[in-house]
Amino acid sequence: MAWTFRPAAWSVLGTVAGCALTIHLGLWQLHRGHDKQALDRQYAAAAQQPPLDLGGANIPAAGIAALGASAQGEYLADRQLLLDDQAHGEASGYDVWTPLRLQ
């Protein structure tokens, strides 16, 4: 008696769906990597530019995420926010966020 391999239809469909999902997620990760490389290039280019003065009236709306900035003002110490459970290298701790009132 010869043995033949005949998997159930649901297992074949599940395998094909799993492979398609895995390929899709791999391509998604690849695109995310390209986006992060483009963002790194944008940050490197912004580091070569002079800082943007936030006290001025002409602040560009586009590309603001990758610009250096400088500002003068007064820290509002009574409105600090402590964000705990932050890791900095091997040490854990918290970040202190203090709003700045511009002049």
PDB file of N, CA and C in Angstrom:
ATOM      1  N   MET A   1       0.843  -1.174   0.000  1.00  0.00           N
ATOM      2  CA  MET A   1       0.000   0.000   0.000  1.00  0.00           C
ATOM      3  C   MET A   1       0.894   1.244   0.000  1.00  0.00           C
ATOM      4  N   ALA A   2       0.734   2.116  -0.935  1.00  0.00           N
ATOM      5  CA  ALA A   2       1.527   3.331  -1.076  1.00  0.00           C
ATOM      6  C   ALA A   2       0.870   4.459  -0.276  1.00  0.00           C
ATOM      7  N   TRP A   3       1.735   5.187   0.404  1.00  0.00           N
ATOM      8  CA  TRP A   3       1.246   6.306   1.205  1.00  0.00           C
ATOM      9  C   TRP A   3       1.303   7.575   0.376  1.00  0.00           C
ATOM     10  N   THR A   4       0.246   8.384   0.385  1.00  0.00           N
ATOM     11  CA  THR A   4       0.227   9.653  -0.345  1.00  0.00           C
ATOM     12  C   THR A   4      -0.040  10.783   0.638  1.00  0.00           C
ATOM     13  N   PHE A   5       0.606  11.882   0.387  1.00  0.00           N
ATOM     14  CA  PHE A   5       0.458  13.065   1.244  1.00  0.00           C
ATOM     15  C   PHE A   5      -0.676  13.913   0.704  1.00  0.00           C
ATOM     16  N   ARG A   6      -1.739  14.065   1.476  1.00  0.00           N
ATOM     17  CA  ARG A   6      -2.895  14.868   1.088  1.00  0.00           C
ATOM     18  C   ARG A   6      -3.338  15.713   2.282  1.00  0.00           C
ATOM     19  N   PRO A   7      -2.740  16.915   2.423  1.00  0.00           N
ATOM     20  CA  PRO A   7      -3.135  17.751   3.556  1.00  0.00           C
ATOM     21  C   PRO A   7      -4.545  18.307   3.341  1.00  0.00           C
ATOM     22  N   ALA A   8      -5.161  18.651   4.431  1.00  0.00           N
ATOM     23  CA  ALA A   8      -6.502  19.242   4.364  1.00  0.00           C
ATOM     24  C   ALA A   8      -6.420  20.622   3.718  1.00  0.00           C
ATOM     25  N   ALA A   9      -7.509  21.025   3.105  1.00  0.00           N
ATOM     26  CA  ALA A   9      -7.544  22.312   2.404  1.00  0.00           C
ATOM     27  C   ALA A   9      -7.301  23.470   3.372  1.00  0.00           C
ATOM     28  N   TRP A  10      -7.826  23.387   4.594  1.00  0.00           N
ATOM     29  CA  TRP A  10      -7.646  24.473   5.549  1.00  0.00           C
ATOM     30  C   TRP A  10      -6.175  24.644   5.932  1.00  0.00           C
ATOM     31  N   SER A  11      -5.410  23.556   5.991  1.00  0.00           N
ATOM     32  CA  SER A  11      -4.000  23.683   6.343  1.00  0.00           C
ATOM     33  C   SER A  11      -3.191  24.292   5.198  1.00  0.00           C
ATOM     34  N   VAL A  12      -3.552  23.977   3.973  1.00  0.00           N
ATOM     35  CA  VAL A  12      -2.872  24.580   2.817  1.00  0.00           C
ATOM     36  C   VAL A  12      -3.185  26.075   2.765  1.00  0.00           C
ATOM     37  N   LEU A  13      -4.460  26.434   2.951  1.00  0.00           N
ATOM     38  CA  LEU A  13      -4.837  27.851   2.932  1.00  0.00           C
ATOM     39  C   LEU A  13      -4.183  28.607   4.092  1.00  0.00           C
ATOM     40  N   GLY A  14      -4.126  27.984   5.263  1.00  0.00           N
ATOM     41  CA  GLY A  14      -3.467  28.623   6.399  1.00  0.00           C
ATOM     42  C   GLY A  14      -1.984  28.845   6.163  1.00  0.00           C
ATOM     43  N   THR A  15      -1.319  27.873   5.533  1.00  0.00           N
ATOM     44  CA  THR A  15       0.098  28.002   5.227  1.00  0.00           C
ATOM     45  C   THR A  15       0.342  29.113   4.212  1.00  0.00           C
ATOM     46  N   VAL A  16      -0.485  29.160   3.176  1.00  0.00           N
ATOM     47  CA  VAL A  16      -0.346  30.211   2.161  1.00  0.00           C
ATOM     48  C   VAL A  16      -0.613  31.584   2.777  1.00  0.00           C
ATOM     49  N   ALA A  17      -1.653  31.683   3.614  1.00  0.00           N
ATOM     50  CA  ALA A  17      -1.958  32.959   4.266  1.00  0.00           C
ATOM     51  C   ALA A  17      -0.825  33.371   5.208  1.00  0.00           C
ATOM     52  N   GLY A  18      -0.276  32.421   5.948  1.00  0.00           N
ATOM     53  CA  GLY A  18       0.846  32.731   6.846  1.00  0.00           C
ATOM     54  C   GLY A  18       2.070  33.201   6.094  1.00  0.00           C
ATOM     55  N   CYS A  19       2.364  32.559   4.967  1.00  0.00           N
ATOM     56  CA  CYS A  19       3.508  32.989   4.150  1.00  0.00           C
ATOM     57  C   CYS A  19       3.273  34.384   3.581  1.00  0.00           C
ATOM     58  N   ALA A  20       2.058  34.647   3.096  1.00  0.00           N
ATOM     59  CA  ALA A  20       1.749  35.971   2.548  1.00  0.00           C
ATOM     60  C   ALA A  20       1.865  37.046   3.626  1.00  0.00           C
ATOM     61  N   LEU A  21       1.369  36.742   4.814  1.00  0.00           N
ATOM     62  CA  LEU A  21       1.460  37.703   5.920  1.00  0.00           C
ATOM     63  C   LEU A  21       2.907  37.960   6.300  1.00  0.00           C
ATOM     64  N   THR A  22       3.718  36.935   6.375  1.00  0.00           N
ATOM     65  CA  THR A  22       5.123  37.084   6.733  1.00  0.00           C
ATOM     66  C   THR A  22       5.873  37.908   5.680  1.00  0.00           C
ATOM     67  N   ILE A  23       5.602  37.663   4.415  1.00  0.00           N
ATOM     68  CA  ILE A  23       6.237  38.447   3.349  1.00  0.00           C
ATOM     69  C   ILE A  23       5.806  39.905   3.436  1.00  0.00           C
ATOM     70  N   HIS A  24       4.508  40.140   3.665  1.00  0.00           N
ATOM     71  CA  HIS A  24       4.001  41.509   3.781  1.00  0.00           C
ATOM     72  C   HIS A  24       4.663  42.239   4.949  1.00  0.00           C
ATOM     73  N   LEU A  25       4.778  41.575   6.099  1.00  0.00           N
ATOM     74  CA  LEU A  25       5.416  42.211   7.259  1.00  0.00           C
ATOM     75  C   LEU A  25       6.897  42.472   7.023  1.00  0.00           C
ATOM     76  N   GLY A  26       7.568  41.574   6.312  1.00  0.00           N
ATOM     77  CA  GLY A  26       8.972  41.798   5.976  1.00  0.00           C
ATOM     78  C   GLY A  26       9.158  43.009   5.080  1.00  0.00           C
ATOM     79  N   LEU A  27       8.278  43.159   4.090  1.00  0.00           N
ATOM     80  CA  LEU A  27       8.350  44.335   3.212  1.00  0.00           C
ATOM     81  C   LEU A  27       8.024  45.607   3.973  1.00  0.00           C
ATOM     82  N   TRP A  28       7.087  45.521   4.902  1.00  0.00           N
ATOM     83  CA  TRP A  28       6.742  46.675   5.727  1.00  0.00           C
ATOM     84  C   TRP A  28       7.952  47.122   6.544  1.00  0.00           C
ATOM     85  N   GLN A  29       8.662  46.165   7.134  1.00  0.00           N
ATOM     86  CA  GLN A  29       9.858  46.498   7.903  1.00  0.00           C
ATOM     87  C   GLN A  29      10.933  47.104   7.002  1.00  0.00           C
ATOM     88  N   LEU A  30      11.064  46.602   5.809  1.00  0.00           N
ATOM     89  CA  LEU A  30      12.038  47.149   4.864  1.00  0.00           C
ATOM     90  C   LEU A  30      11.714  48.604   4.540  1.00  0.00           C
ATOM     91  N   HIS A  31      10.440  48.911   4.300  1.00  0.00           N
ATOM     92  CA  HIS A  31      10.032  50.292   4.018  1.00  0.00           C
ATOM     93  C   HIS A  31      10.251  51.189   5.235  1.00  0.00           C
ATOM     94  N   ARG A  32       9.999  50.661   6.426  1.00  0.00           N
ATOM     95  CA  ARG A  32      10.266  51.443   7.636  1.00  0.00           C
ATOM     96  C   ARG A  32      11.743  51.761   7.751  1.00  0.00           C
ATOM     97  N   GLY A  33      12.603  50.813   7.408  1.00  0.00           N
ATOM     98  CA  GLY A  33      14.040  51.056   7.448  1.00  0.00           C
ATOM     99  C   GLY A  33      14.452  52.156   6.489  1.00  0.00           C
ATOM    100  N   HIS A  34      13.870  52.158   5.289  1.00  0.00           N
ATOM    101  CA  HIS A  34      14.176  53.212   4.314  1.00  0.00           C
ATOM    102  C   HIS A  34      13.692  54.568   4.822  1.00  0.00           C
ATOM    103  N   ASP A  35      12.514  54.599   5.445  1.00  0.00           N
ATOM    104  CA  ASP A  35      11.998  55.859   5.984  1.00  0.00           C
ATOM    105  C   ASP A  35      12.905  56.384   7.091  1.00  0.00           C
ATOM    106  N   LYS A  36      13.400  55.502   7.944  1.00  0.00           N
ATOM    107  CA  LYS A  36      14.281  55.932   9.030  1.00  0.00           C
ATOM    108  C   LYS A  36      15.627  56.420   8.496  1.00  0.00           C
ATOM    109  N   GLN A  37      16.119  55.802   7.433  1.00  0.00           N
ATOM    110  CA  GLN A  37      17.359  56.282   6.827  1.00  0.00           C
ATOM    111  C   GLN A  37      17.162  57.672   6.233  1.00  0.00           C
ATOM    112  N   ALA A  38      16.017  57.907   5.601  1.00  0.00           N
ATOM    113  CA  ALA A  38      15.724  59.234   5.049  1.00  0.00           C
ATOM    114  C   ALA A  38      15.616  60.264   6.171  1.00  0.00           C
ATOM    115  N   LEU A  39      15.020  59.884   7.294  1.00  0.00           N
ATOM    116  CA  LEU A  39      14.914  60.793   8.430  1.00  0.00           C
ATOM    117  C   LEU A  39      16.292  61.095   9.016  1.00  0.00           C
ATOM    118  N   ASP A  40      17.163  60.098   9.088  1.00  0.00           N
ATOM    119  CA  ASP A  40      18.528  60.324   9.555  1.00  0.00           C
ATOM    120  C   ASP A  40      19.267  61.295   8.645  1.00  0.00           C
ATOM    121  N   ARG A  41      19.083  61.147   7.332  1.00  0.00           N
ATOM    122  CA  ARG A  41      19.720  62.083   6.391  1.00  0.00           C
ATOM    123  C   ARG A  41      19.166  63.494   6.585  1.00  0.00           C
ATOM    124  N   GLN A  42      17.865  63.604   6.857  1.00  0.00           N
ATOM    125  CA  GLN A  42      17.247  64.908   7.078  1.00  0.00           C
ATOM    126  C   GLN A  42      17.799  65.548   8.359  1.00  0.00           C
ATOM    127  N   TYR A  43      17.971  64.753   9.416  1.00  0.00           N
ATOM    128  CA  TYR A  43      18.550  65.273  10.656  1.00  0.00           C
ATOM    129  C   TYR A  43      20.000  65.706  10.450  1.00  0.00           C
ATOM    130  N   ALA A  44      20.764  64.938   9.689  1.00  0.00           N
ATOM    131  CA  ALA A  44      22.161  65.291   9.436  1.00  0.00           C
ATOM    132  C   ALA A  44      22.251  66.593   8.641  1.00  0.00           C
ATOM    133  N   ALA A  45      21.370  66.778   7.669  1.00  0.00           N
ATOM    134  CA  ALA A  45      21.368  68.021   6.893  1.00  0.00           C
ATOM    135  C   ALA A  45      20.950  69.198   7.767  1.00  0.00           C
ATOM    136  N   ALA A  46      19.994  68.989   8.668  1.00  0.00           N
ATOM    137  CA  ALA A  46      19.541  70.070   9.550  1.00  0.00           C
ATOM    138  C   ALA A  46      20.627  70.468  10.534  1.00  0.00           C
ATOM    139  N   ALA A  47      21.477  69.528  10.924  1.00  0.00           N
ATOM    140  CA  ALA A  47      22.554  69.843  11.864  1.00  0.00           C
ATOM    141  C   ALA A  47      23.574  70.794  11.243  1.00  0.00           C
ATOM    142  N   GLN A  48      23.660  70.833   9.929  1.00  0.00           N
ATOM    143  CA  GLN A  48      24.594  71.714   9.235  1.00  0.00           C
ATOM    144  C   GLN A  48      24.032  73.122   9.052  1.00  0.00           C
ATOM    145  N   GLN A  49      22.743  73.312   9.302  1.00  0.00           N
ATOM    146  CA  GLN A  49      22.092  74.606   9.112  1.00  0.00           C
ATOM    147  C   GLN A  49      22.161  75.425  10.399  1.00  0.00           C
ATOM    148  N   PRO A  50      22.113  76.762  10.283  1.00  0.00           N
ATOM    149  CA  PRO A  50      22.062  77.569  11.509  1.00  0.00           C
ATOM    150  C   PRO A  50      20.728  77.342  12.219  1.00  0.00           C
ATOM    151  N   PRO A  51      20.702  77.487  13.551  1.00  0.00           N
ATOM    152  CA  PRO A  51      19.459  77.236  14.277  1.00  0.00           C
ATOM    153  C   PRO A  51      18.396  78.273  13.957  1.00  0.00           C
ATOM    154  N   LEU A  52      17.164  77.847  14.043  1.00  0.00           N
ATOM    155  CA  LEU A  52      16.008  78.703  13.804  1.00  0.00           C
ATOM    156  C   LEU A  52      15.713  79.478  15.082  1.00  0.00           C
ATOM    157  N   ASP A  53      15.534  80.795  14.983  1.00  0.00           N
ATOM    158  CA  ASP A  53      15.211  81.612  16.149  1.00  0.00           C
ATOM    159  C   ASP A  53      13.710  81.566  16.381  1.00  0.00           C
ATOM    160  N   LEU A  54      13.295  80.937  17.477  1.00  0.00           N
ATOM    161  CA  LEU A  54      11.868  80.792  17.755  1.00  0.00           C
ATOM    162  C   LEU A  54      11.218  82.094  18.197  1.00  0.00           C
ATOM    163  N   GLY A  55      12.017  83.091  18.509  1.00  0.00           N
ATOM    164  CA  GLY A  55      11.456  84.385  18.893  1.00  0.00           C
ATOM    165  C   GLY A  55      11.007  85.193  17.696  1.00  0.00           C
ATOM    166  N   GLY A  56      11.441  84.808  16.499  1.00  0.00           N
ATOM    167  CA  GLY A  56      11.056  85.523  15.289  1.00  0.00           C
ATOM    168  C   GLY A  56       9.644  85.185  14.854  1.00  0.00           C
ATOM    169  N   ALA A  57       9.108  85.987  13.966  1.00  0.00           N
ATOM    170  CA  ALA A  57       7.724  85.800  13.522  1.00  0.00           C
ATOM    171  C   ALA A  57       7.621  84.846  12.340  1.00  0.00           C
ATOM    172  N   ASN A  58       8.687  84.668  11.577  1.00  0.00           N
ATOM    173  CA  ASN A  58       8.626  83.852  10.360  1.00  0.00           C
ATOM    174  C   ASN A  58       9.154  82.446  10.624  1.00  0.00           C
ATOM    175  N   ILE A  59       8.317  81.594  11.175  1.00  0.00           N
ATOM    176  CA  ILE A  59       8.689  80.203  11.441  1.00  0.00           C
ATOM    177  C   ILE A  59       8.098  79.354  10.331  1.00  0.00           C
ATOM    178  N   PRO A  60       8.934  78.624   9.567  1.00  0.00           N
ATOM    179  CA  PRO A  60       8.398  77.804   8.480  1.00  0.00           C
ATOM    180  C   PRO A  60       7.561  76.653   9.026  1.00  0.00           C
ATOM    181  N   ALA A  61       6.473  76.359   8.322  1.00  0.00           N
ATOM    182  CA  ALA A  61       5.585  75.279   8.760  1.00  0.00           C
ATOM    183  C   ALA A  61       6.089  73.920   8.289  1.00  0.00           C
ATOM    184  N   ALA A  62       6.754  73.859   7.146  1.00  0.00           N
ATOM    185  CA  ALA A  62       7.198  72.576   6.588  1.00  0.00           C
ATOM    186  C   ALA A  62       8.594  72.252   7.086  1.00  0.00           C
ATOM    187  N   GLY A  63       8.833  70.985   7.392  1.00  0.00           N
ATOM    188  CA  GLY A  63      10.153  70.523   7.775  1.00  0.00           C
ATOM    189  C   GLY A  63      10.579  70.946   9.169  1.00  0.00           C
ATOM    190  N   ILE A  64       9.646  71.362  10.007  1.00  0.00           N
ATOM    191  CA  ILE A  64       9.988  71.870  11.326  1.00  0.00           C
ATOM    192  C   ILE A  64      10.553  70.774  12.225  1.00  0.00           C
ATOM    193  N   ALA A  65      10.260  69.514  11.952  1.00  0.00           N
ATOM    194  CA  ALA A  65      10.720  68.421  12.810  1.00  0.00           C
ATOM    195  C   ALA A  65      12.226  68.218  12.728  1.00  0.00           C
ATOM    196  N   ALA A  66      12.861  68.681  11.676  1.00  0.00           N
ATOM    197  CA  ALA A  66      14.287  68.424  11.506  1.00  0.00           C
ATOM    198  C   ALA A  66      15.094  69.717  11.461  1.00  0.00           C
ATOM    199  N   LEU A  67      14.689  70.693  12.252  1.00  0.00           N
ATOM    200  CA  LEU A  67      15.431  71.942  12.310  1.00  0.00           C
ATOM    201  C   LEU A  67      15.971  72.162  13.710  1.00  0.00           C
ATOM    202  N   GLY A  68      17.166  72.716  13.787  1.00  0.00           N
ATOM    203  CA  GLY A  68      17.666  73.149  15.071  1.00  0.00           C
ATOM    204  C   GLY A  68      16.980  74.442  15.460  1.00  0.00           C
ATOM    205  N   ALA A  69      16.892  74.727  16.737  1.00  0.00           N
ATOM    206  CA  ALA A  69      16.186  75.927  17.170  1.00  0.00           C
ATOM    207  C   ALA A  69      16.907  76.547  18.354  1.00  0.00           C
ATOM    208  N   SER A  70      16.751  77.857  18.495  1.00  0.00           N
ATOM    209  CA  SER A  70      17.236  78.560  19.676  1.00  0.00           C
ATOM    210  C   SER A  70      16.129  79.493  20.126  1.00  0.00           C
ATOM    211  N   ALA A  71      16.054  79.696  21.423  1.00  0.00           N
ATOM    212  CA  ALA A  71      15.022  80.558  21.984  1.00  0.00           C
ATOM    213  C   ALA A  71      15.531  81.184  23.268  1.00  0.00           C
ATOM    214  N   GLN A  72      14.963  82.311  23.615  1.00  0.00           N
ATOM    215  CA  GLN A  72      15.265  82.964  24.877  1.00  0.00           C
ATOM    216  C   GLN A  72      13.954  83.150  25.609  1.00  0.00           C
ATOM    217  N   GLY A  73      13.993  82.898  26.890  1.00  0.00           N
ATOM    218  CA  GLY A  73      12.776  83.040  27.666  1.00  0.00           C
ATOM    219  C   GLY A  73      13.016  82.667  29.103  1.00  0.00           C
ATOM    220  N   GLU A  74      11.929  82.361  29.776  1.00  0.00           N
ATOM    221  CA  GLU A  74      11.964  82.045  31.202  1.00  0.00           C
ATOM    222  C   GLU A  74      11.346  80.673  31.417  1.00  0.00           C
ATOM    223  N   TYR A  75      12.078  79.790  32.120  1.00  0.00           N
ATOM    224  CA  TYR A  75      11.537  78.481  32.449  1.00  0.00           C
ATOM    225  C   TYR A  75      10.450  78.630  33.509  1.00  0.00           C
ATOM    226  N   LEU A  76       9.372  77.900  33.362  1.00  0.00           N
ATOM    227  CA  LEU A  76       8.270  77.913  34.320  1.00  0.00           C
ATOM    228  C   LEU A  76       8.420  76.698  35.236  1.00  0.00           C
ATOM    229  N   ALA A  77       9.217  76.872  36.287  1.00  0.00           N
ATOM    230  CA  ALA A  77       9.560  75.752  37.168  1.00  0.00           C
ATOM    231  C   ALA A  77       8.359  75.201  37.917  1.00  0.00           C
ATOM    232  N   ASP A  78       7.315  76.013  38.109  1.00  0.00           N
ATOM    233  CA  ASP A  78       6.137  75.539  38.828  1.00  0.00           C
ATOM    234  C   ASP A  78       5.250  74.639  37.971  1.00  0.00           C
ATOM    235  N   ARG A  79       5.584  74.485  36.712  1.00  0.00           N
ATOM    236  CA  ARG A  79       4.773  73.668  35.807  1.00  0.00           C
ATOM    237  C   ARG A  79       5.570  72.501  35.231  1.00  0.00           C
ATOM    238  N   GLN A  80       6.560  71.998  35.962  1.00  0.00           N
ATOM    239  CA  GLN A  80       7.391  70.898  35.484  1.00  0.00           C
ATOM    240  C   GLN A  80       6.604  69.597  35.427  1.00  0.00           C
ATOM    241  N   LEU A  81       7.024  68.742  34.509  1.00  0.00           N
ATOM    242  CA  LEU A  81       6.441  67.417  34.363  1.00  0.00           C
ATOM    243  C   LEU A  81       7.563  66.403  34.483  1.00  0.00           C
ATOM    244  N   LEU A  82       7.406  65.425  35.373  1.00  0.00           N
ATOM    245  CA  LEU A  82       8.385  64.360  35.539  1.00  0.00           C
ATOM    246  C   LEU A  82       7.844  63.112  34.872  1.00  0.00           C
ATOM    247  N   LEU A  83       8.551  62.627  33.879  1.00  0.00           N
ATOM    248  CA  LEU A  83       8.149  61.433  33.137  1.00  0.00           C
ATOM    249  C   LEU A  83       9.044  60.290  33.593  1.00  0.00           C
ATOM    250  N   ASP A  84       8.467  59.363  34.387  1.00  0.00           N
ATOM    251  CA  ASP A  84       9.287  58.312  34.969  1.00  0.00           C
ATOM    252  C   ASP A  84       9.382  57.087  34.067  1.00  0.00           C
ATOM    253  N   ASP A  85      10.165  56.109  34.512  1.00  0.00           N
ATOM    254  CA  ASP A  85      10.423  54.862  33.784  1.00  0.00           C
ATOM    255  C   ASP A  85      11.096  55.114  32.441  1.00  0.00           C
ATOM    256  N   GLN A  86      12.083  56.007  32.415  1.00  0.00           N
ATOM    257  CA  GLN A  86      12.834  56.305  31.205  1.00  0.00           C
ATOM    258  C   GLN A  86      14.213  55.668  31.300  1.00  0.00           C
ATOM    259  N   ALA A  87      14.625  54.980  30.259  1.00  0.00           N
ATOM    260  CA  ALA A  87      15.940  54.341  30.230  1.00  0.00           C
ATOM    261  C   ALA A  87      16.909  55.226  29.455  1.00  0.00           C
ATOM    262  N   HIS A  88      18.075  55.443  30.040  1.00  0.00           N
ATOM    263  CA  HIS A  88      19.147  56.218  29.403  1.00  0.00           C
ATOM    264  C   HIS A  88      20.399  55.354  29.439  1.00  0.00           C
ATOM    265  N   GLY A  89      20.627  54.629  28.353  1.00  0.00           N
ATOM    266  CA  GLY A  89      21.732  53.684  28.330  1.00  0.00           C
ATOM    267  C   GLY A  89      21.426  52.527  29.267  1.00  0.00           C
ATOM    268  N   GLU A  90      22.301  52.300  30.236  1.00  0.00           N
ATOM    269  CA  GLU A  90      22.103  51.225  31.210  1.00  0.00           C
ATOM    270  C   GLU A  90      21.351  51.705  32.452  1.00  0.00           C
ATOM    271  N   ALA A  91      21.193  53.016  32.608  1.00  0.00           N
ATOM    272  CA  ALA A  91      20.569  53.556  33.816  1.00  0.00           C
ATOM    273  C   ALA A  91      19.101  53.873  33.563  1.00  0.00           C
ATOM    274  N   SER A  92      18.289  53.624  34.575  1.00  0.00           N
ATOM    275  CA  SER A  92      16.885  54.010  34.476  1.00  0.00           C
ATOM    276  C   SER A  92      16.672  55.245  35.335  1.00  0.00           C
ATOM    277  N   GLY A  93      15.650  56.008  35.002  1.00  0.00           N
ATOM    278  CA  GLY A  93      15.385  57.231  35.745  1.00  0.00           C
ATOM    279  C   GLY A  93      14.152  57.911  35.207  1.00  0.00           C
ATOM    280  N   TYR A  94      14.207  59.232  35.139  1.00  0.00           N
ATOM    281  CA  TYR A  94      13.062  59.980  34.637  1.00  0.00           C
ATOM    282  C   TYR A  94      13.550  61.189  33.862  1.00  0.00           C
ATOM    283  N   ASP A  95      12.665  61.708  33.013  1.00  0.00           N
ATOM    284  CA  ASP A  95      12.934  62.931  32.263  1.00  0.00           C
ATOM    285  C   ASP A  95      12.177  64.073  32.926  1.00  0.00           C
ATOM    286  N   VAL A  96      12.782  65.242  32.925  1.00  0.00           N
ATOM    287  CA  VAL A  96      12.141  66.441  33.464  1.00  0.00           C
ATOM    288  C   VAL A  96      11.797  67.334  32.284  1.00  0.00           C
ATOM    289  N   TRP A  97      10.539  67.650  32.127  1.00  0.00           N
ATOM    290  CA  TRP A  97      10.074  68.550  31.061  1.00  0.00           C
ATOM    291  C   TRP A  97       9.626  69.841  31.714  1.00  0.00           C
ATOM    292  N   THR A  98      10.229  70.949  31.289  1.00  0.00           N
ATOM    293  CA  THR A  98       9.891  72.261  31.851  1.00  0.00           C
ATOM    294  C   THR A  98       9.498  73.183  30.702  1.00  0.00           C
ATOM    295  N   PRO A  99       8.298  73.767  30.756  1.00  0.00           N
ATOM    296  CA  PRO A  99       7.891  74.688  29.682  1.00  0.00           C
ATOM    297  C   PRO A  99       8.722  75.971  29.725  1.00  0.00           C
ATOM    298  N   LEU A 100       8.864  76.584  28.568  1.00  0.00           N
ATOM    299  CA  LEU A 100       9.632  77.816  28.423  1.00  0.00           C
ATOM    300  C   LEU A 100       8.700  78.902  27.902  1.00  0.00           C
ATOM    301  N   ARG A 101       8.586  79.982  28.636  1.00  0.00           N
ATOM    302  CA  ARG A 101       7.805  81.142  28.163  1.00  0.00           C
ATOM    303  C   ARG A 101       8.738  82.012  27.352  1.00  0.00           C
ATOM    304  N   LEU A 102       8.454  82.155  26.067  1.00  0.00           N
ATOM    305  CA  LEU A 102       9.307  82.959  25.194  1.00  0.00           C
ATOM    306  C   LEU A 102       9.192  84.435  25.532  1.00  0.00           C
ATOM    307  N   GLN A 103      10.280  85.154  25.299  1.00  0.00           N
ATOM    308  CA  GLN A 103      10.258  86.604  25.569  1.00  0.00           C
ATOM    309  C   GLN A 103       9.379  87.312  24.560  1.00  0.00           C
TER     310      GLN A 103
END
